[in-house]
Amino acid sequence: MTELPVRELPALLRSLADPAVLLDVREPWEVALAPLEVAGTTLLRIPLHDLPARLAELAPSRTLVCVCHHGVRSRHAAAWLERTGFDDVYNLAGGIDAWSVEVDPAVPRY
């Protein structure tokens, strides 16, 4: 797993031949407060506690960028995904909160 600073996400996405999967592991109420969509990604929302049961929805060949509120749950998700055989996994460092502060202030902070 690679820690990816939020400001580096656009460059990573431009460098990929296929769109990355933005894996949002926040709870539905959090997504409702501050939805996140990033051009150049396929968005998949799976709360962290549901990830083992929904693993089949992810392709190990795709680049995955895990995101949560502050980057802690997404770090756990990314580490777990690597242990289960995913090779190209990133954790969005600082999560959506850092995204709101450093990249897109239109995304509400909570």
C-alpha atoms as a PDB file:
ATOM      1  CA  MET A   1       0.000   0.000   0.000  1.00  0.00           C
ATOM      2  CA  THR A   2       1.199   3.468  -0.848  1.00  0.00           C
ATOM      3  CA  GLU A   3       0.213   6.583   1.073  1.00  0.00           C
ATOM      4  CA  LEU A   4      -0.952   9.060  -1.559  1.00  0.00           C
ATOM      5  CA  PRO A   5      -1.068  12.763  -0.664  1.00  0.00           C
ATOM      6  CA  VAL A   6      -4.326  14.274  -1.900  1.00  0.00           C
ATOM      7  CA  ARG A   7      -2.542  16.769  -4.156  1.00  0.00           C
ATOM      8  CA  GLU A   8      -0.875  13.860  -5.993  1.00  0.00           C
ATOM      9  CA  LEU A   9      -4.107  12.053  -6.884  1.00  0.00           C
ATOM     10  CA  PRO A  10      -4.761  13.957 -10.153  1.00  0.00           C
ATOM     11  CA  ALA A  11      -1.250  13.187 -11.433  1.00  0.00           C
ATOM     12  CA  LEU A  12      -1.627   9.510 -10.549  1.00  0.00           C
ATOM     13  CA  LEU A  13      -4.948   9.343 -12.392  1.00  0.00           C
ATOM     14  CA  ARG A  14      -3.448  10.975 -15.500  1.00  0.00           C
ATOM     15  CA  SER A  15      -0.640   8.407 -15.507  1.00  0.00           C
ATOM     16  CA  LEU A  16      -2.947   5.372 -15.644  1.00  0.00           C
ATOM     17  CA  ALA A  17      -4.094   3.665 -18.824  1.00  0.00           C
ATOM     18  CA  ASP A  18      -7.388   2.604 -17.194  1.00  0.00           C
ATOM     19  CA  PRO A  19      -9.473   4.570 -14.684  1.00  0.00           C
ATOM     20  CA  ALA A  20      -8.677   3.864 -11.050  1.00  0.00           C
ATOM     21  CA  VAL A  21     -11.339   2.667  -8.655  1.00  0.00           C
ATOM     22  CA  LEU A  22     -12.000   5.204  -5.915  1.00  0.00           C
ATOM     23  CA  LEU A  23     -13.058   2.972  -3.035  1.00  0.00           C
ATOM     24  CA  ASP A  24     -14.947   5.051  -0.476  1.00  0.00           C
ATOM     25  CA  VAL A  25     -15.100   3.052   2.763  1.00  0.00           C
ATOM     26  CA  ARG A  26     -17.095   5.647   4.735  1.00  0.00           C
ATOM     27  CA  GLU A  27     -20.534   5.003   6.171  1.00  0.00           C
ATOM     28  CA  PRO A  28     -23.575   6.056   4.091  1.00  0.00           C
ATOM     29  CA  TRP A  29     -24.370   8.965   6.448  1.00  0.00           C
ATOM     30  CA  GLU A  30     -20.846  10.329   5.882  1.00  0.00           C
ATOM     31  CA  VAL A  31     -21.167  10.064   2.119  1.00  0.00           C
ATOM     32  CA  ALA A  32     -24.475  11.945   2.352  1.00  0.00           C
ATOM     33  CA  LEU A  33     -22.749  14.783   4.243  1.00  0.00           C
ATOM     34  CA  ALA A  34     -19.766  15.057   1.910  1.00  0.00           C
ATOM     35  CA  PRO A  35     -20.015  13.106  -1.339  1.00  0.00           C
ATOM     36  CA  LEU A  36     -16.805  12.729  -3.283  1.00  0.00           C
ATOM     37  CA  GLU A  37     -16.481  12.104  -6.994  1.00  0.00           C
ATOM     38  CA  VAL A  38     -13.178  12.474  -8.776  1.00  0.00           C
ATOM     39  CA  ALA A  39     -12.866  12.636 -12.566  1.00  0.00           C
ATOM     40  CA  GLY A  40     -10.805   9.773 -13.934  1.00  0.00           C
ATOM     41  CA  THR A  41     -12.074   7.251 -11.387  1.00  0.00           C
ATOM     42  CA  THR A  42     -14.790   4.682 -11.092  1.00  0.00           C
ATOM     43  CA  LEU A  43     -16.494   5.290  -7.755  1.00  0.00           C
ATOM     44  CA  LEU A  44     -17.368   2.370  -5.519  1.00  0.00           C
ATOM     45  CA  ARG A  45     -18.852   2.931  -2.066  1.00  0.00           C
ATOM     46  CA  ILE A  46     -18.377   0.026   0.319  1.00  0.00           C
ATOM     47  CA  PRO A  47     -18.353   0.726   4.075  1.00  0.00           C
ATOM     48  CA  LEU A  48     -15.257  -0.773   5.688  1.00  0.00           C
ATOM     49  CA  HIS A  49     -17.230  -3.345   7.692  1.00  0.00           C
ATOM     50  CA  ASP A  50     -18.850  -4.626   4.460  1.00  0.00           C
ATOM     51  CA  LEU A  51     -15.614  -4.940   2.505  1.00  0.00           C
ATOM     52  CA  PRO A  52     -14.917  -8.660   3.166  1.00  0.00           C
ATOM     53  CA  ALA A  53     -18.436  -9.629   2.061  1.00  0.00           C
ATOM     54  CA  ARG A  54     -18.233  -7.452  -1.073  1.00  0.00           C
ATOM     55  CA  LEU A  55     -14.665  -8.246  -2.111  1.00  0.00           C
ATOM     56  CA  ALA A  56     -15.877  -9.844  -5.358  1.00  0.00           C
ATOM     57  CA  GLU A  57     -16.953  -6.375  -6.571  1.00  0.00           C
ATOM     58  CA  LEU A  58     -13.274  -5.384  -6.852  1.00  0.00           C
ATOM     59  CA  ALA A  59     -10.891  -6.470  -9.600  1.00  0.00           C
ATOM     60  CA  PRO A  60      -7.354  -7.217  -8.372  1.00  0.00           C
ATOM     61  CA  SER A  61      -5.983  -5.926 -11.690  1.00  0.00           C
ATOM     62  CA  ARG A  62      -7.359  -2.391 -11.168  1.00  0.00           C
ATOM     63  CA  THR A  63      -5.664   0.465  -9.373  1.00  0.00           C
ATOM     64  CA  LEU A  64      -7.528   1.120  -6.122  1.00  0.00           C
ATOM     65  CA  VAL A  65      -7.491   4.395  -4.207  1.00  0.00           C
ATOM     66  CA  CYS A  66      -9.076   3.947  -0.782  1.00  0.00           C
ATOM     67  CA  VAL A  67     -10.624   6.963   0.929  1.00  0.00           C
ATOM     68  CA  CYS A  68     -12.422   7.697   4.196  1.00  0.00           C
ATOM     69  CA  HIS A  69     -12.841  10.729   6.454  1.00  0.00           C
ATOM     70  CA  HIS A  70      -9.273  11.188   7.741  1.00  0.00           C
ATOM     71  CA  GLY A  71      -7.402   8.271   6.142  1.00  0.00           C
ATOM     72  CA  VAL A  72      -7.394   5.777   9.007  1.00  0.00           C
ATOM     73  CA  ARG A  73     -10.144   3.380   7.901  1.00  0.00           C
ATOM     74  CA  SER A  74      -8.976   3.604   4.301  1.00  0.00           C
ATOM     75  CA  ARG A  75      -5.432   2.692   5.429  1.00  0.00           C
ATOM     76  CA  HIS A  76      -6.859  -0.413   7.119  1.00  0.00           C
ATOM     77  CA  ALA A  77      -8.832  -1.226   3.970  1.00  0.00           C
ATOM     78  CA  ALA A  78      -5.801  -0.779   1.716  1.00  0.00           C
ATOM     79  CA  ALA A  79      -3.588  -2.926   3.935  1.00  0.00           C
ATOM     80  CA  TRP A  80      -6.234  -5.646   4.070  1.00  0.00           C
ATOM     81  CA  LEU A  81      -6.687  -5.551   0.295  1.00  0.00           C
ATOM     82  CA  GLU A  82      -2.949  -6.007  -0.206  1.00  0.00           C
ATOM     83  CA  ARG A  83      -2.968  -9.005   2.122  1.00  0.00           C
ATOM     84  CA  THR A  84      -5.770 -10.537   0.049  1.00  0.00           C
ATOM     85  CA  GLY A  85      -3.859 -10.221  -3.225  1.00  0.00           C
ATOM     86  CA  PHE A  86      -4.423  -6.715  -4.581  1.00  0.00           C
ATOM     87  CA  ASP A  87      -1.167  -5.232  -5.903  1.00  0.00           C
ATOM     88  CA  ASP A  88      -1.902  -1.634  -6.882  1.00  0.00           C
ATOM     89  CA  VAL A  89      -3.498  -0.084  -3.794  1.00  0.00           C
ATOM     90  CA  TYR A  90      -3.232   3.470  -2.476  1.00  0.00           C
ATOM     91  CA  ASN A  91      -4.498   5.132   0.668  1.00  0.00           C
ATOM     92  CA  LEU A  92      -5.590   8.740   0.174  1.00  0.00           C
ATOM     93  CA  ALA A  93      -3.617  10.314   3.028  1.00  0.00           C
ATOM     94  CA  GLY A  94      -5.715  12.612   5.172  1.00  0.00           C
ATOM     95  CA  GLY A  95      -8.911  11.380   3.536  1.00  0.00           C
ATOM     96  CA  ILE A  96     -11.760  13.524   2.340  1.00  0.00           C
ATOM     97  CA  ASP A  97     -10.980  16.066   5.045  1.00  0.00           C
ATOM     98  CA  ALA A  98      -7.568  16.761   3.485  1.00  0.00           C
ATOM     99  CA  TRP A  99      -9.197  16.770   0.035  1.00  0.00           C
ATOM    100  CA  SER A 100     -11.611  19.471   1.226  1.00  0.00           C
ATOM    101  CA  VAL A 101      -8.816  21.592   2.691  1.00  0.00           C
ATOM    102  CA  GLU A 102      -6.127  21.160   0.028  1.00  0.00           C
ATOM    103  CA  VAL A 103      -7.903  20.426  -3.254  1.00  0.00           C
ATOM    104  CA  ASP A 104     -11.634  21.098  -3.365  1.00  0.00           C
ATOM    105  CA  PRO A 105     -13.151  23.392  -0.721  1.00  0.00           C
ATOM    106  CA  ALA A 106     -16.581  22.779  -2.271  1.00  0.00           C
ATOM    107  CA  VAL A 107     -16.570  19.352  -0.597  1.00  0.00           C
ATOM    108  CA  PRO A 108     -18.046  19.963   2.873  1.00  0.00           C
ATOM    109  CA  ARG A 109     -15.976  19.218   5.951  1.00  0.00           C
ATOM    110  CA  TYR A 110     -17.519  17.333   8.845  1.00  0.00           C
END
